[in-house]
Each structure stands twice: as C-alpha cells, then as structure tokens.
PDB file of N, CA and C in Angstrom:
ATOM      1  N   UNK A   1      14.266  -5.554   4.349  1.00  0.00           N
ATOM      2  CA  UNK A   1      13.153  -4.660   4.401  1.00  0.00           C
ATOM      3  C   UNK A   1      13.415  -3.454   3.494  1.00  0.00           C
ATOM      4  N   UNK A   2      13.547  -3.694   2.211  1.00  0.00           N
ATOM      5  CA  UNK A   2      13.765  -2.616   1.250  1.00  0.00           C
ATOM      6  C   UNK A   2      12.420  -2.068   0.776  1.00  0.00           C
ATOM      7  N   UNK A   3      12.346  -0.765   0.636  1.00  0.00           N
ATOM      8  CA  UNK A   3      11.129  -0.126   0.154  1.00  0.00           C
ATOM      9  C   UNK A   3      11.286   0.124  -1.339  1.00  0.00           C
ATOM     10  N   UNK A   4      10.366  -0.425  -2.134  1.00  0.00           N
ATOM     11  CA  UNK A   4      10.428  -0.210  -3.577  1.00  0.00           C
ATOM     12  C   UNK A   4       9.400   0.833  -4.003  1.00  0.00           C
ATOM     13  N   UNK A   5       9.301   1.059  -5.298  1.00  0.00           N
ATOM     14  CA  UNK A   5       8.406   2.107  -5.812  1.00  0.00           C
ATOM     15  C   UNK A   5       6.941   1.815  -5.501  1.00  0.00           C
ATOM     16  N   UNK A   6       6.534   0.548  -5.519  1.00  0.00           N
ATOM     17  CA  UNK A   6       5.145   0.204  -5.202  1.00  0.00           C
ATOM     18  C   UNK A   6       4.844   0.546  -3.747  1.00  0.00           C
ATOM     19  N   UNK A   7       5.753   0.195  -2.848  1.00  0.00           N
ATOM     20  CA  UNK A   7       5.565   0.548  -1.435  1.00  0.00           C
ATOM     21  C   UNK A   7       5.455   2.060  -1.266  1.00  0.00           C
ATOM     22  N   UNK A   8       6.288   2.807  -1.978  1.00  0.00           N
ATOM     23  CA  UNK A   8       6.243   4.269  -1.889  1.00  0.00           C
ATOM     24  C   UNK A   8       4.899   4.801  -2.370  1.00  0.00           C
ATOM     25  N   UNK A   9       4.378   4.234  -3.458  1.00  0.00           N
ATOM     26  CA  UNK A   9       3.086   4.669  -3.978  1.00  0.00           C
ATOM     27  C   UNK A   9       1.962   4.343  -2.994  1.00  0.00           C
ATOM     28  N   UNK A  10       2.037   3.172  -2.376  1.00  0.00           N
ATOM     29  CA  UNK A  10       1.034   2.793  -1.377  1.00  0.00           C
ATOM     30  C   UNK A  10       1.081   3.759  -0.192  1.00  0.00           C
ATOM     31  N   UNK A  11       2.269   4.028   0.306  1.00  0.00           N
ATOM     32  CA  UNK A  11       2.415   4.952   1.435  1.00  0.00           C
ATOM     33  C   UNK A  11       1.914   6.342   1.087  1.00  0.00           C
ATOM     34  N   UNK A  12       2.254   6.817  -0.102  1.00  0.00           N
ATOM     35  CA  UNK A  12       1.802   8.141  -0.538  1.00  0.00           C
ATOM     36  C   UNK A  12       0.274   8.207  -0.556  1.00  0.00           C
ATOM     37  N   UNK A  13      -0.364   7.172  -1.121  1.00  0.00           N
ATOM     38  CA  UNK A  13      -1.829   7.149  -1.197  1.00  0.00           C
ATOM     39  C   UNK A  13      -2.451   7.094   0.193  1.00  0.00           C
ATOM     40  N   UNK A  14      -1.867   6.313   1.082  1.00  0.00           N
ATOM     41  CA  UNK A  14      -2.412   6.203   2.435  1.00  0.00           C
ATOM     42  C   UNK A  14      -2.222   7.485   3.237  1.00  0.00           C
ATOM     43  N   UNK A  15      -1.155   8.207   2.979  1.00  0.00           N
ATOM     44  CA  UNK A  15      -0.949   9.496   3.646  1.00  0.00           C
ATOM     45  C   UNK A  15      -2.008  10.493   3.175  1.00  0.00           C
ATOM     46  N   UNK A  16      -2.289  10.465   1.881  1.00  0.00           N
ATOM     47  CA  UNK A  16      -3.290  11.374   1.327  1.00  0.00           C
ATOM     48  C   UNK A  16      -4.699  11.026   1.798  1.00  0.00           C
ATOM     49  N   UNK A  17      -5.001   9.726   1.881  1.00  0.00           N
ATOM     50  CA  UNK A  17      -6.340   9.282   2.285  1.00  0.00           C
ATOM     51  C   UNK A  17      -6.212   7.943   3.003  1.00  0.00           C
ATOM     52  N   UNK A  18      -6.137   7.989   4.309  1.00  0.00           N
ATOM     53  CA  UNK A  18      -5.956   6.780   5.104  1.00  0.00           C
ATOM     54  C   UNK A  18      -7.135   5.820   5.066  1.00  0.00           C
ATOM     55  N   UNK A  19      -8.264   6.262   4.506  1.00  0.00           N
ATOM     56  CA  UNK A  19      -9.453   5.405   4.440  1.00  0.00           C
ATOM     57  C   UNK A  19      -9.693   4.844   3.036  1.00  0.00           C
ATOM     58  N   UNK A  20      -8.743   5.027   2.116  1.00  0.00           N
ATOM     59  CA  UNK A  20      -8.884   4.516   0.763  1.00  0.00           C
ATOM     60  C   UNK A  20      -8.962   2.984   0.795  1.00  0.00           C
ATOM     61  N   UNK A  21      -9.811   2.425  -0.035  1.00  0.00           N
ATOM     62  CA  UNK A  21      -9.941   0.958  -0.067  1.00  0.00           C
ATOM     63  C   UNK A  21      -8.748   0.348  -0.800  1.00  0.00           C
ATOM     64  N   UNK A  22      -8.471  -0.903  -0.481  1.00  0.00           N
ATOM     65  CA  UNK A  22      -7.391  -1.603  -1.178  1.00  0.00           C
ATOM     66  C   UNK A  22      -7.689  -1.678  -2.659  1.00  0.00           C
ATOM     67  N   UNK A  23      -8.951  -1.859  -3.026  1.00  0.00           N
ATOM     68  CA  UNK A  23      -9.328  -1.951  -4.440  1.00  0.00           C
ATOM     69  C   UNK A  23      -9.044  -0.637  -5.169  1.00  0.00           C
ATOM     70  N   UNK A  24      -9.452   0.464  -4.567  1.00  0.00           N
ATOM     71  CA  UNK A  24      -9.221   1.766  -5.196  1.00  0.00           C
ATOM     72  C   UNK A  24      -7.730   2.076  -5.272  1.00  0.00           C
ATOM     73  N   UNK A  25      -7.021   1.804  -4.192  1.00  0.00           N
ATOM     74  CA  UNK A  25      -5.583   2.046  -4.161  1.00  0.00           C
ATOM     75  C   UNK A  25      -4.881   1.195  -5.220  1.00  0.00           C
ATOM     76  N   UNK A  26      -5.249  -0.063  -5.300  1.00  0.00           N
ATOM     77  CA  UNK A  26      -4.639  -0.972  -6.274  1.00  0.00           C
ATOM     78  C   UNK A  26      -4.860  -0.472  -7.695  1.00  0.00           C
ATOM     79  N   UNK A  27      -6.086  -0.044  -7.979  1.00  0.00           N
ATOM     80  CA  UNK A  27      -6.384   0.459  -9.313  1.00  0.00           C
ATOM     81  C   UNK A  27      -5.582   1.699  -9.670  1.00  0.00           C
ATOM     82  N   UNK A  28      -5.319   2.526  -8.676  1.00  0.00           N
ATOM     83  CA  UNK A  28      -4.602   3.773  -8.946  1.00  0.00           C
ATOM     84  C   UNK A  28      -3.113   3.557  -9.192  1.00  0.00           C
ATOM     85  N   UNK A  29      -2.566   2.437  -8.697  1.00  0.00           N
ATOM     86  CA  UNK A  29      -1.125   2.203  -8.900  1.00  0.00           C
ATOM     87  C   UNK A  29      -0.828   1.010  -9.802  1.00  0.00           C
ATOM     88  N   UNK A  30      -1.887   0.325 -10.261  1.00  0.00           N
ATOM     89  CA  UNK A  30      -1.691  -0.729 -11.251  1.00  0.00           C
ATOM     90  C   UNK A  30      -1.282  -2.087 -10.702  1.00  0.00           C
ATOM     91  N   UNK A  31      -1.734  -2.404  -9.505  1.00  0.00           N
ATOM     92  CA  UNK A  31      -1.499  -3.738  -8.935  1.00  0.00           C
ATOM     93  C   UNK A  31      -2.841  -4.305  -8.483  1.00  0.00           C
ATOM     94  N   UNK A  32      -2.848  -5.532  -7.981  1.00  0.00           N
ATOM     95  CA  UNK A  32      -4.088  -6.149  -7.537  1.00  0.00           C
ATOM     96  C   UNK A  32      -4.355  -5.817  -6.065  1.00  0.00           C
ATOM     97  N   UNK A  33      -5.632  -5.851  -5.655  1.00  0.00           N
ATOM     98  CA  UNK A  33      -5.942  -5.612  -4.240  1.00  0.00           C
ATOM     99  C   UNK A  33      -5.206  -6.546  -3.274  1.00  0.00           C
ATOM    100  N   UNK A  34      -5.073  -7.855  -3.589  1.00  0.00           N
ATOM    101  CA  UNK A  34      -4.311  -8.702  -2.661  1.00  0.00           C
ATOM    102  C   UNK A  34      -2.850  -8.272  -2.512  1.00  0.00           C
ATOM    103  N   UNK A  35      -2.274  -7.728  -3.576  1.00  0.00           N
ATOM    104  CA  UNK A  35      -0.899  -7.225  -3.493  1.00  0.00           C
ATOM    105  C   UNK A  35      -0.827  -6.056  -2.527  1.00  0.00           C
ATOM    106  N   UNK A  36      -1.791  -5.141  -2.615  1.00  0.00           N
ATOM    107  CA  UNK A  36      -1.825  -3.994  -1.708  1.00  0.00           C
ATOM    108  C   UNK A  36      -1.974  -4.481  -0.275  1.00  0.00           C
ATOM    109  N   UNK A  37      -2.910  -5.401  -0.034  1.00  0.00           N
ATOM    110  CA  UNK A  37      -3.135  -5.903   1.326  1.00  0.00           C
ATOM    111  C   UNK A  37      -1.872  -6.546   1.895  1.00  0.00           C
ATOM    112  N   UNK A  38      -1.225  -7.378   1.096  1.00  0.00           N
ATOM    113  CA  UNK A  38      -0.007  -8.050   1.565  1.00  0.00           C
ATOM    114  C   UNK A  38       1.075  -7.043   1.915  1.00  0.00           C
ATOM    115  N   UNK A  39       1.245  -6.053   1.066  1.00  0.00           N
ATOM    116  CA  UNK A  39       2.289  -5.060   1.315  1.00  0.00           C
ATOM    117  C   UNK A  39       1.966  -4.182   2.528  1.00  0.00           C
ATOM    118  N   UNK A  40       0.697  -3.809   2.681  1.00  0.00           N
ATOM    119  CA  UNK A  40       0.309  -3.027   3.859  1.00  0.00           C
ATOM    120  C   UNK A  40       0.527  -3.855   5.123  1.00  0.00           C
ATOM    121  N   UNK A  41       0.154  -5.129   5.086  1.00  0.00           N
ATOM    122  CA  UNK A  41       0.384  -5.998   6.248  1.00  0.00           C
ATOM    123  C   UNK A  41       1.866  -6.082   6.582  1.00  0.00           C
ATOM    124  N   UNK A  42       2.713  -6.177   5.543  1.00  0.00           N
ATOM    125  CA  UNK A  42       4.156  -6.219   5.787  1.00  0.00           C
ATOM    126  C   UNK A  42       4.644  -4.903   6.399  1.00  0.00           C
ATOM    127  N   UNK A  43       4.116  -3.783   5.906  1.00  0.00           N
ATOM    128  CA  UNK A  43       4.527  -2.475   6.437  1.00  0.00           C
ATOM    129  C   UNK A  43       4.085  -2.319   7.897  1.00  0.00           C
ATOM    130  N   UNK A  44       2.951  -2.856   8.233  1.00  0.00           N
ATOM    131  CA  UNK A  44       2.495  -2.795   9.636  1.00  0.00           C
ATOM    132  C   UNK A  44       3.487  -3.500  10.542  1.00  0.00           C
ATOM    133  N   UNK A  45       4.110  -4.549  10.038  1.00  0.00           N
ATOM    134  CA  UNK A  45       5.127  -5.280  10.803  1.00  0.00           C
ATOM    135  C   UNK A  45       6.377  -4.452  11.056  1.00  0.00           C
ATOM    136  N   UNK A  46       6.629  -3.448  10.213  1.00  0.00           N
ATOM    137  CA  UNK A  46       7.801  -2.599  10.383  1.00  0.00           C
ATOM    138  C   UNK A  46       7.686  -1.726  11.611  1.00  0.00           C
ATOM    139  N   UNK A  47       6.451  -1.381  11.986  1.00  0.00           N
ATOM    140  CA  UNK A  47       6.282  -0.420  13.082  1.00  0.00           C
ATOM    141  C   UNK A  47       5.845  -1.071  14.392  1.00  0.00           C
ATOM    142  N   UNK A  48       5.650  -2.348  14.378  1.00  0.00           N
ATOM    143  CA  UNK A  48       5.182  -2.983  15.626  1.00  0.00           C
ATOM    144  C   UNK A  48       6.327  -3.468  16.475  1.00  0.00           C
TER     145      UNK A  48
END
C-alpha cells in the first residue's frame, strides 16, 4: 500500500474540493477518469 505522486495529487484535490468529478480531477492531474476512480476505490479500502 505505497502512496505515489498520483495518489497524493488525488488526495490533495479531494481535500480542496470533495465534490470534484473524476473527470475534472483526472484532467487536472493528467490521468484518465477510470484511473482516478480505481485509485479512489483503492484508497477507500485503506480506511475501512
């Protein structure tokens, strides 16, 4: 469960705006929306 730079960027964006869409978030960090969704789903598993 290593956190890389993409995960950090996703977390930073979600802290700033928890209602940001995956599409908007993906565009802001240069990845695809499915990548954002997969990573967010994985992060949710860290806290459950």
